[in-house]
Amino acid sequence: MTERLEALEAAIADFDEQTRRWAGHELLVVADSSFYCHNPQCLRDADLHDILGLRPTTRIRLLFPIVVVDELDGLKEAGKQQARWRAPHTLGLLDEVLRGGTFGVWRPETSFDSGEPRERVAMEIVLDQPGHVRLPIADDEIIDRAVTIQALAGREVRLLTCDTGQHTRGCAAGLKVTKVETKDPGPEPDWEALNKPSGNGTRALRRQRQAAEAEGSTAT
């Protein structure tokens, strides 16, 4: 009974600390790894007030659920070329602001490129609670963390993503989602021309032979 009572008191204290932490007037924002890797601008150059469509007088707290940090760590080696650069860039900026802690002010009240004043932007890593079991899919875990923070804070948490699927999942979970458009892929290529064998190299000759064999088998 004593151990159970101590565990309950610890859980209540942790809950109270979390609700106090997010009880201010900042807009709480959770961004997934797609935003950090595929937003047209890297995080250091991004104007979150502009991206989120906020008034300059709005304070922002950019939350990093630890699952997002783990995803970015994994992308440093395994991701595509842009992600391999953006992931360590984002983590480096996070280290620079937090200095080993879990909270820090990234941008104090300042003027941005447009010359308009901007309220401060803070960063915070949100650790998993003791005993927390993550969902098997990282995107689902990010949504779950954002919904949990929204419940604890008693106010809106904005989800920031570049993924269509994550946009849909976030809206279905009751979050307000800002989906950032990525680079336009341009007009559809001429697939027939791209797939047409060309040249006299070994690979091209192999394609021509395979095409001829396919045509022969179709004729028979």
Protein backbone atom coordinates (compact mmCIF):
# COMPACT_ATOMS: atom_id res chain seq x y z
CA MET A 1 0.00 0.00 0.00
CA THR A 2 2.83 2.38 0.84
CA GLU A 3 4.50 1.75 -2.54
CA ARG A 4 1.21 2.25 -4.37
CA LEU A 5 0.57 5.50 -2.51
CA GLU A 6 4.06 6.78 -3.35
CA ALA A 7 3.57 5.90 -7.04
CA LEU A 8 0.21 7.67 -7.08
CA GLU A 9 1.66 10.78 -5.44
CA ALA A 10 4.52 10.79 -7.96
CA ALA A 11 2.05 10.49 -10.85
CA ILE A 12 -0.04 13.36 -9.47
CA ALA A 13 3.06 15.53 -9.04
CA ASP A 14 4.16 14.77 -12.61
CA PHE A 15 0.68 15.60 -13.92
CA ASP A 16 0.60 18.89 -12.00
CA GLU A 17 4.06 19.83 -13.29
CA GLN A 18 3.04 19.15 -16.89
CA THR A 19 -0.18 21.14 -16.66
CA ARG A 20 1.71 24.10 -15.12
CA ARG A 21 4.33 23.90 -17.88
CA TRP A 22 1.74 24.31 -20.65
CA ALA A 23 -0.61 26.68 -18.82
CA GLY A 24 0.62 29.87 -20.49
CA HIS A 25 -0.67 31.68 -23.57
CA GLU A 26 1.81 30.28 -26.09
CA LEU A 27 0.57 28.36 -29.10
CA LEU A 28 1.72 24.76 -28.64
CA VAL A 29 3.01 23.29 -31.90
CA VAL A 30 4.07 19.71 -32.63
CA ALA A 31 5.88 19.18 -35.94
CA ASP A 32 6.68 15.77 -37.35
CA SER A 33 9.93 14.81 -39.07
CA SER A 34 8.44 15.44 -42.54
CA PHE A 35 8.25 19.16 -41.72
CA TYR A 36 11.87 19.33 -40.60
CA CYS A 37 13.07 17.37 -43.65
CA HIS A 38 10.81 18.60 -46.47
CA ASN A 39 9.73 22.13 -45.60
CA PRO A 40 10.98 24.45 -48.38
CA GLN A 41 13.23 26.16 -45.80
CA CYS A 42 15.44 24.54 -43.19
CA LEU A 43 14.36 25.10 -39.60
CA ARG A 44 16.90 27.83 -38.85
CA ASP A 45 15.51 29.97 -41.69
CA ALA A 46 11.82 29.14 -41.20
CA ASP A 47 9.40 31.84 -40.01
CA LEU A 48 6.91 29.83 -37.95
CA HIS A 49 4.57 32.79 -37.55
CA ASP A 50 4.27 33.02 -41.32
CA ILE A 51 4.01 29.26 -41.88
CA LEU A 52 1.26 28.89 -39.25
CA GLY A 53 -0.56 32.06 -40.32
CA LEU A 54 -0.21 33.66 -36.89
CA ARG A 55 -0.20 37.24 -35.74
CA PRO A 56 3.29 38.51 -34.83
CA THR A 57 2.08 38.97 -31.24
CA THR A 58 1.54 35.22 -30.76
CA ARG A 59 4.09 33.34 -28.70
CA ILE A 60 5.01 29.87 -29.96
CA ARG A 61 6.33 26.82 -28.14
CA LEU A 62 7.65 24.24 -30.62
CA LEU A 63 7.36 20.84 -28.98
CA PHE A 64 9.57 17.89 -29.90
CA PRO A 65 8.07 14.60 -28.68
CA ILE A 66 11.10 12.39 -28.09
CA VAL A 67 9.88 10.02 -30.84
CA VAL A 68 10.48 12.84 -33.36
CA VAL A 69 14.02 13.33 -32.04
CA ASP A 70 14.62 9.57 -32.40
CA GLU A 71 13.28 9.66 -35.97
CA LEU A 72 15.63 12.52 -36.88
CA ASP A 73 18.53 10.63 -35.31
CA GLY A 74 17.73 7.66 -37.54
CA LEU A 75 17.47 9.80 -40.67
CA LYS A 76 21.02 11.14 -40.22
CA GLU A 77 22.35 7.96 -41.81
CA ALA A 78 19.41 6.15 -43.40
CA GLY A 79 17.44 8.97 -45.01
CA LYS A 80 17.58 10.35 -48.53
CA GLN A 81 20.10 13.07 -49.38
CA GLN A 82 17.97 16.04 -48.24
CA ALA A 83 16.84 14.26 -45.07
CA ARG A 84 20.44 13.30 -44.24
CA TRP A 85 21.31 17.01 -44.23
CA ARG A 86 18.12 18.38 -42.67
CA ALA A 87 18.01 15.87 -39.79
CA PRO A 88 21.42 16.74 -38.25
CA HIS A 89 20.78 20.42 -39.01
CA THR A 90 17.57 20.30 -36.94
CA LEU A 91 19.16 18.30 -34.14
CA GLY A 92 22.14 20.64 -34.09
CA LEU A 93 19.87 23.66 -33.70
CA LEU A 94 17.96 21.85 -30.95
CA ASP A 95 21.22 21.15 -29.09
CA GLU A 96 22.29 24.76 -29.55
CA VAL A 97 19.06 26.08 -28.01
CA LEU A 98 18.51 23.53 -25.23
CA ARG A 99 22.14 22.94 -24.18
CA GLY A 100 21.37 19.52 -22.74
CA GLY A 101 18.08 20.54 -21.12
CA THR A 102 14.51 20.10 -22.29
CA PHE A 103 13.46 23.75 -22.68
CA GLY A 104 15.02 26.84 -24.20
CA VAL A 105 14.15 30.06 -26.01
CA TRP A 106 15.08 29.79 -29.69
CA ARG A 107 14.09 33.28 -30.79
CA PRO A 108 13.45 36.03 -28.27
CA GLU A 109 11.11 38.83 -29.26
CA THR A 110 12.73 40.13 -32.41
CA SER A 111 12.28 41.38 -35.95
CA PHE A 112 12.29 38.94 -38.86
CA ASP A 113 13.22 39.51 -42.52
CA SER A 114 10.08 41.57 -43.16
CA GLY A 115 11.05 43.99 -40.39
CA GLU A 116 7.89 43.20 -38.40
CA PRO A 117 8.34 42.37 -34.70
CA ARG A 118 7.83 38.74 -33.73
CA GLU A 119 6.99 37.34 -30.30
CA ARG A 120 9.37 34.77 -28.92
CA VAL A 121 9.62 31.16 -30.09
CA ALA A 122 10.63 28.54 -27.54
CA MET A 123 11.58 24.88 -27.98
CA GLU A 124 10.89 21.94 -25.69
CA ILE A 125 11.60 18.23 -25.82
CA VAL A 126 8.69 16.20 -24.43
CA LEU A 127 10.03 13.00 -22.89
CA ASP A 128 8.04 9.79 -22.59
CA GLN A 129 6.55 9.25 -19.16
CA PRO A 130 7.92 6.30 -17.13
CA GLY A 131 6.22 3.12 -18.25
CA HIS A 132 4.97 4.63 -21.50
CA VAL A 133 4.75 2.11 -24.34
CA ARG A 134 5.06 3.62 -27.79
CA LEU A 135 2.73 2.77 -30.61
CA PRO A 136 4.36 0.60 -33.30
CA ILE A 137 4.00 3.26 -36.04
CA ALA A 138 5.93 6.48 -35.37
CA ASP A 139 3.34 8.70 -37.11
CA ASP A 140 0.59 7.29 -34.86
CA GLU A 141 2.79 7.86 -31.81
CA ILE A 142 3.32 11.52 -32.77
CA ILE A 143 -0.44 12.03 -33.12
CA ASP A 144 -1.02 10.29 -29.77
CA ARG A 145 1.55 12.53 -28.04
CA ALA A 146 0.01 15.67 -29.52
CA VAL A 147 -3.48 14.61 -28.42
CA THR A 148 -2.18 13.83 -24.91
CA ILE A 149 -0.49 17.23 -24.64
CA GLN A 150 -3.68 18.91 -25.82
CA ALA A 151 -5.65 17.13 -23.08
CA LEU A 152 -3.11 18.01 -20.38
CA ALA A 153 -2.82 21.64 -21.47
CA GLY A 154 -6.56 22.07 -21.87
CA ARG A 155 -6.08 24.04 -25.08
CA GLU A 156 -5.28 23.66 -28.75
CA VAL A 157 -2.15 21.93 -30.02
CA ARG A 158 -1.29 22.62 -33.65
CA LEU A 159 0.20 19.79 -35.74
CA LEU A 160 2.67 20.84 -38.44
CA THR A 161 3.41 18.37 -41.26
CA CYS A 162 4.22 18.01 -44.94
CA ASP A 163 2.54 14.58 -45.23
CA THR A 164 -0.98 14.11 -46.56
CA GLY A 165 -1.52 10.97 -44.48
CA GLN A 166 -0.42 12.67 -41.28
CA HIS A 167 -2.67 15.62 -42.10
CA THR A 168 -5.63 13.26 -42.36
CA ARG A 169 -4.76 11.34 -39.19
CA GLY A 170 -4.28 14.54 -37.21
CA CYS A 171 -7.65 15.97 -38.24
CA ALA A 172 -9.36 12.66 -37.44
CA ALA A 173 -7.82 12.77 -33.94
CA GLY A 174 -9.23 16.24 -33.25
CA LEU A 175 -6.11 18.29 -33.87
CA LYS A 176 -5.85 21.48 -35.88
CA VAL A 177 -3.34 20.71 -38.61
CA THR A 178 -1.23 22.96 -40.81
CA LYS A 179 0.00 21.10 -43.88
CA VAL A 180 2.94 22.74 -45.60
CA GLU A 181 3.11 22.33 -49.35
CA THR A 182 6.39 20.89 -50.58
CA LYS A 183 8.16 21.47 -53.89
CA ASP A 184 5.90 21.12 -56.97
CA PRO A 185 7.00 17.98 -58.88
CA GLY A 186 6.24 19.75 -62.18
CA PRO A 187 4.55 18.27 -65.24
CA GLU A 188 4.33 14.50 -65.61
CA PRO A 189 7.33 13.11 -67.51
CA ASP A 190 7.00 11.29 -70.83
CA TRP A 191 7.27 7.81 -69.33
CA GLU A 192 7.31 6.10 -72.72
CA ALA A 193 10.32 8.09 -73.83
CA LEU A 194 12.10 7.56 -70.52
CA ASN A 195 11.55 3.79 -70.66
CA LYS A 196 12.58 3.51 -74.33
CA PRO A 197 15.96 1.72 -74.68
CA SER A 198 18.68 3.93 -76.10
CA GLY A 199 22.36 3.62 -76.96
CA ASN A 200 24.50 0.56 -77.67
CA GLY A 201 25.60 -0.24 -74.14
CA THR A 202 25.19 -3.67 -72.53
CA ARG A 203 22.21 -2.58 -70.47
CA ALA A 204 20.46 -1.05 -73.50
CA LEU A 205 21.09 -4.17 -75.61
CA ARG A 206 19.71 -6.33 -72.81
CA ARG A 207 16.54 -4.21 -72.70
CA GLN A 208 16.15 -4.51 -76.49
CA ARG A 209 16.58 -8.28 -76.31
CA GLN A 210 14.06 -8.60 -73.50
CA ALA A 211 11.56 -6.45 -75.44
CA ALA A 212 12.04 -8.58 -78.58
CA GLU A 213 11.55 -11.79 -76.60
CA ALA A 214 8.39 -10.38 -75.03
CA GLU A 215 7.01 -9.45 -78.44
CA GLY A 216 7.85 -12.91 -79.79
CA SER A 217 6.12 -14.71 -76.95
CA THR A 218 3.05 -12.51 -77.42
CA ALA A 219 2.90 -13.32 -81.16
CA THR A 220 3.05 -17.08 -80.54
